[in-house]
Amino acid sequence: MFYHKVDDEIHLKLLELRDAEQVFGLIDAGRSYLREWLPWVDASVSAEQTREFISMTLQQFASNHGFQAGITYQGQLAGVIGFHHVNWEHNQVSIGYWLGEDFQRRGIMTRACRAMVNIAFWEYGLHRIEIRAGVGNQKSRAIPERLGFTLEGVCRQVERHSSGYIDHAVYGLLAQEWKGRR
C-alpha cells in the first residue's frame, strides 16, 4: 500500500476500488472545468468506469510500473496524481495530475508534485522526470516551471480533444538538477 504525507494539509494515497465513487464524483462535479484540457473526461460517465480505471492502476502498482494516488487536502479528495508507466530500462517516468476546480490556487498540486519528484528521485532512484501540459494550459504549466523543470520543447498536435488537436509543452528534470531541493 502506498501512503505519503506531504505536509499537515495534504497526503497522497494509492487509489483503491473503494475510492471509485468519490473519484467519479469529483470528476462529474468538475466536468465542464476539467474537459478543457483532459480528453478522457467526457468518456468517464460512471463510477463503474472509474472502478475499471482504478483496477488497471492497481495492476500498474503491483507490477512496479508506477501508481495513481488520490490527493487528499484537509481530509477531502482534491484530485489525482501519478506516475505514468515507469521506464526502468532508461530510469525515467512522466507525472500526470488533475485537481478539482474548488481546490485551485492553494498550492496543492505544486506541493503534491514536489513530493512525487522526491519519490521518483530518492525512493525509486530514477534519473529523469517529464511533465507534459497543453501549451495553453497555464495553470498546469506553472507547476513544472515553479519546480525548476526545463521547457524542452513542444510536441505539435499530440493530443486529440473534442475541439481538435492540441500541442503539448514538454518539461524535463534530471536527478542532478534536483539535488539539494528536497
Protein backbone atom coordinates (compact mmCIF):
# COMPACT_ATOMS: atom_id res chain seq x y z
CA MET A 1 0.00 0.00 0.00
CA PHE A 2 1.22 3.49 -0.81
CA TYR A 3 0.60 6.39 1.56
CA HIS A 4 2.68 9.56 1.69
CA LYS A 5 2.21 12.54 3.98
CA VAL A 6 3.15 15.68 2.04
CA ASP A 7 2.51 18.13 4.88
CA ASP A 8 -0.11 18.84 7.56
CA GLU A 9 -2.80 19.51 4.91
CA ILE A 10 -2.01 17.10 2.10
CA HIS A 11 -1.42 13.39 1.76
CA LEU A 12 -1.22 11.04 -1.19
CA LYS A 13 -2.90 7.62 -1.05
CA LEU A 14 -2.89 4.82 -3.59
CA LEU A 15 -6.27 4.73 -5.30
CA GLU A 16 -8.31 1.69 -4.27
CA LEU A 17 -11.50 0.24 -5.72
CA ARG A 18 -13.48 1.63 -2.79
CA ASP A 19 -12.46 5.15 -3.91
CA ALA A 20 -14.26 4.86 -7.27
CA GLU A 21 -17.47 6.66 -6.24
CA GLN A 22 -15.57 9.53 -4.68
CA VAL A 23 -13.17 9.94 -7.64
CA PHE A 24 -16.04 9.78 -10.12
CA GLY A 25 -17.98 12.32 -8.04
CA LEU A 26 -15.06 14.75 -8.21
CA ILE A 27 -14.77 14.25 -11.98
CA ASP A 28 -18.51 14.61 -12.50
CA ALA A 29 -18.75 17.76 -10.35
CA GLY A 30 -15.95 19.43 -12.31
CA ARG A 31 -16.71 18.00 -15.73
CA SER A 32 -17.02 21.33 -17.59
CA TYR A 33 -13.84 22.67 -15.94
CA LEU A 34 -11.76 19.51 -16.46
CA ARG A 35 -12.79 18.79 -20.05
CA GLU A 36 -10.93 21.82 -21.41
CA TRP A 37 -7.58 20.04 -21.04
CA LEU A 38 -8.37 16.40 -20.24
CA PRO A 39 -9.75 14.44 -23.19
CA TRP A 40 -10.79 11.43 -21.09
CA VAL A 41 -13.32 13.42 -19.04
CA ASP A 42 -16.23 13.05 -21.48
CA ALA A 43 -15.66 9.28 -21.69
CA SER A 44 -15.78 8.99 -17.89
CA VAL A 45 -19.51 8.51 -17.42
CA SER A 46 -19.88 6.18 -14.45
CA ALA A 47 -18.36 5.08 -11.18
CA GLU A 48 -18.01 1.62 -12.75
CA GLN A 49 -15.68 3.04 -15.42
CA THR A 50 -13.70 4.75 -12.69
CA ARG A 51 -13.53 1.43 -10.83
CA GLU A 52 -12.11 -0.19 -14.00
CA PHE A 53 -9.51 2.58 -14.26
CA ILE A 54 -8.52 2.09 -10.62
CA SER A 55 -8.29 -1.68 -11.15
CA MET A 56 -5.89 -1.05 -14.02
CA THR A 57 -3.79 1.31 -11.89
CA LEU A 58 -3.62 -1.27 -9.09
CA GLN A 59 -2.16 -3.71 -11.62
CA GLN A 60 0.31 -0.99 -12.62
CA PHE A 61 1.34 -0.62 -8.96
CA ALA A 62 1.59 -4.40 -8.40
CA SER A 63 3.86 -4.78 -11.43
CA ASN A 64 6.11 -1.93 -10.19
CA HIS A 65 5.44 0.34 -13.16
CA GLY A 66 4.07 3.33 -11.26
CA PHE A 67 0.87 4.24 -9.44
CA GLN A 68 -2.02 6.67 -9.25
CA ALA A 69 -2.72 8.36 -5.94
CA GLY A 70 -5.62 10.37 -4.64
CA ILE A 71 -4.60 13.80 -3.35
CA THR A 72 -6.34 14.48 -0.07
CA TYR A 73 -6.48 18.08 1.13
CA GLN A 74 -7.73 18.68 4.68
CA GLY A 75 -9.47 15.29 4.59
CA GLN A 76 -11.19 15.78 1.21
CA LEU A 77 -10.30 14.18 -2.11
CA ALA A 78 -8.98 17.07 -4.21
CA GLY A 79 -7.52 15.35 -7.26
CA VAL A 80 -5.28 12.62 -8.60
CA ILE A 81 -1.55 12.47 -9.31
CA GLY A 82 0.55 9.62 -10.52
CA PHE A 83 3.44 8.14 -12.39
CA HIS A 84 2.64 7.08 -15.90
CA HIS A 85 4.50 3.94 -16.86
CA VAL A 86 7.93 3.86 -15.17
CA ASN A 87 10.59 3.07 -17.76
CA TRP A 88 13.10 1.09 -15.68
CA GLU A 89 15.41 0.49 -18.65
CA HIS A 90 16.05 4.23 -19.00
CA ASN A 91 15.22 5.22 -15.38
CA GLN A 92 12.57 7.74 -16.28
CA VAL A 93 8.91 8.50 -15.69
CA SER A 94 6.31 11.09 -16.52
CA ILE A 95 3.97 12.61 -13.96
CA GLY A 96 0.32 13.28 -14.67
CA TYR A 97 -2.16 15.15 -12.48
CA TRP A 98 -5.50 16.85 -12.23
CA LEU A 99 -7.18 18.86 -9.50
CA GLY A 100 -10.83 19.61 -8.80
CA GLU A 101 -11.84 23.19 -9.56
CA ASP A 102 -12.74 24.01 -5.93
CA PHE A 103 -9.18 23.18 -4.84
CA GLN A 104 -7.33 25.53 -7.19
CA ARG A 105 -5.00 28.32 -6.05
CA ARG A 106 -3.95 26.76 -2.75
CA GLY A 107 -0.60 25.33 -3.83
CA ILE A 108 -1.95 21.80 -3.51
CA MET A 109 -0.71 20.48 -6.83
CA THR A 110 2.70 22.11 -6.56
CA ARG A 111 3.22 20.50 -3.14
CA ALA A 112 1.90 17.13 -4.34
CA CYS A 113 4.08 17.25 -7.44
CA ARG A 114 7.16 18.18 -5.37
CA ALA A 115 6.50 15.08 -3.26
CA MET A 116 6.23 12.93 -6.39
CA VAL A 117 9.53 14.31 -7.69
CA ASN A 118 11.18 13.39 -4.39
CA ILE A 119 9.69 9.89 -4.56
CA ALA A 120 10.86 9.44 -8.16
CA PHE A 121 14.42 10.54 -7.48
CA TRP A 122 15.07 9.48 -3.88
CA GLU A 123 12.91 6.38 -3.45
CA TYR A 124 12.72 4.99 -6.99
CA GLY A 125 16.24 6.13 -7.94
CA LEU A 126 15.12 7.46 -11.32
CA HIS A 127 17.24 9.73 -13.50
CA ARG A 128 14.66 11.80 -15.39
CA ILE A 129 11.09 13.05 -14.95
CA GLU A 130 8.88 14.50 -17.64
CA ILE A 131 5.70 16.55 -17.33
CA ARG A 132 3.57 17.44 -20.34
CA ALA A 133 0.82 20.04 -20.42
CA GLY A 134 -1.31 21.66 -23.09
CA VAL A 135 0.54 24.70 -24.41
CA GLY A 136 -2.38 26.94 -23.43
CA ASN A 137 -2.89 25.35 -20.01
CA GLN A 138 -1.04 27.95 -17.97
CA LYS A 139 -2.16 26.56 -14.59
CA SER A 140 -0.75 23.13 -15.36
CA ARG A 141 2.42 24.51 -16.95
CA ALA A 142 3.10 26.70 -13.89
CA ILE A 143 3.74 23.61 -11.76
CA PRO A 144 6.84 22.25 -13.52
CA GLU A 145 8.03 25.83 -14.01
CA ARG A 146 7.77 26.51 -10.24
CA LEU A 147 9.63 23.29 -9.52
CA GLY A 148 12.56 24.13 -11.80
CA PHE A 149 11.81 21.82 -14.73
CA THR A 150 13.26 22.85 -18.10
CA LEU A 151 10.95 23.50 -21.03
CA GLU A 152 12.44 21.11 -23.58
CA GLY A 153 10.12 21.76 -26.48
CA VAL A 154 6.64 21.45 -27.88
CA CYS A 155 5.04 18.37 -29.41
CA ARG A 156 2.67 19.60 -32.09
CA GLN A 157 -0.91 18.33 -32.25
CA VAL A 158 -0.12 15.42 -29.96
CA GLU A 159 -3.42 15.07 -28.12
CA ARG A 160 -6.92 14.88 -29.59
CA HIS A 161 -9.74 16.71 -27.84
CA SER A 162 -13.32 17.27 -28.87
CA SER A 163 -12.29 20.70 -30.19
CA GLY A 164 -9.36 19.33 -32.22
CA TYR A 165 -5.71 18.54 -31.59
CA ILE A 166 -3.62 20.40 -29.05
CA ASP A 167 0.10 20.93 -28.67
CA HIS A 168 1.96 19.81 -25.53
CA ALA A 169 4.71 21.72 -23.77
CA VAL A 170 7.27 19.14 -22.62
CA TYR A 171 9.18 19.76 -19.40
CA GLY A 172 12.07 17.67 -18.08
CA LEU A 173 14.01 17.46 -14.84
CA LEU A 174 17.14 15.42 -14.11
CA ALA A 175 18.06 13.99 -10.72
CA GLN A 176 21.28 16.06 -10.53
CA GLU A 177 19.24 19.24 -11.10
CA TRP A 178 17.01 18.39 -8.14
CA LYS A 179 19.82 17.54 -5.74
CA GLY A 180 19.54 19.55 -2.53
CA ARG A 181 15.98 20.82 -3.22
CA ARG A 182 14.06 18.25 -1.21
